[in-house]
């Protein structure tokens, strides 16, 4: 059995992925999640965790928020850490600006998951057509849902409804295409 290991900066990413991934991953893949206490912890421990992993047939994915950082610098830094750990084939994906951008890219999923009426009608507004441009997507999502969105429970509720092929977030689509490429 092949194993897909996700290195995640926070538990909300795991909550979302547990609802999303089973809908398109082949059943012969085992999924594991390594959760860190924020991006600094992820970056500090990543090389050690990768070097220590000895099980064969494992593929690694690092998912980190961009927040206010420089996407190219963040990605290059993570790539270098993986190379230094003798694992150059790790898939690195950056959620721009935050994981919540992915949710804003599929307001229908937010509407279904959080049971907030009429959100999907907003998807055609300019700012939601490219949610990766929204500087503070978590605050935007809280405002849109009248504070119903909470990081972990909201991610769990939304993740099972996220469309795999109809999301307006470019960083979400790159994440999905990278995972699909791995499992082919």
Foldseek 3Di string as FASTA:
>chain_A
DAEEEEEEAAQLVVLLCVQAVVVPFDPVYHYYYDYHPGDVRSLVCVLVVLLPDDDPRYAYEYEHACQPHDPVVVVVSVQVSCVVSVRNRHHYAYQQHDPLLQCLQQQVLLCQLLVDPPRNVCCPPPCSLEVSPPNDNVVVSCVVRVNSDDRRSSSNSSSNVRDQPRGSYPRSVVVSVVVVVVRD
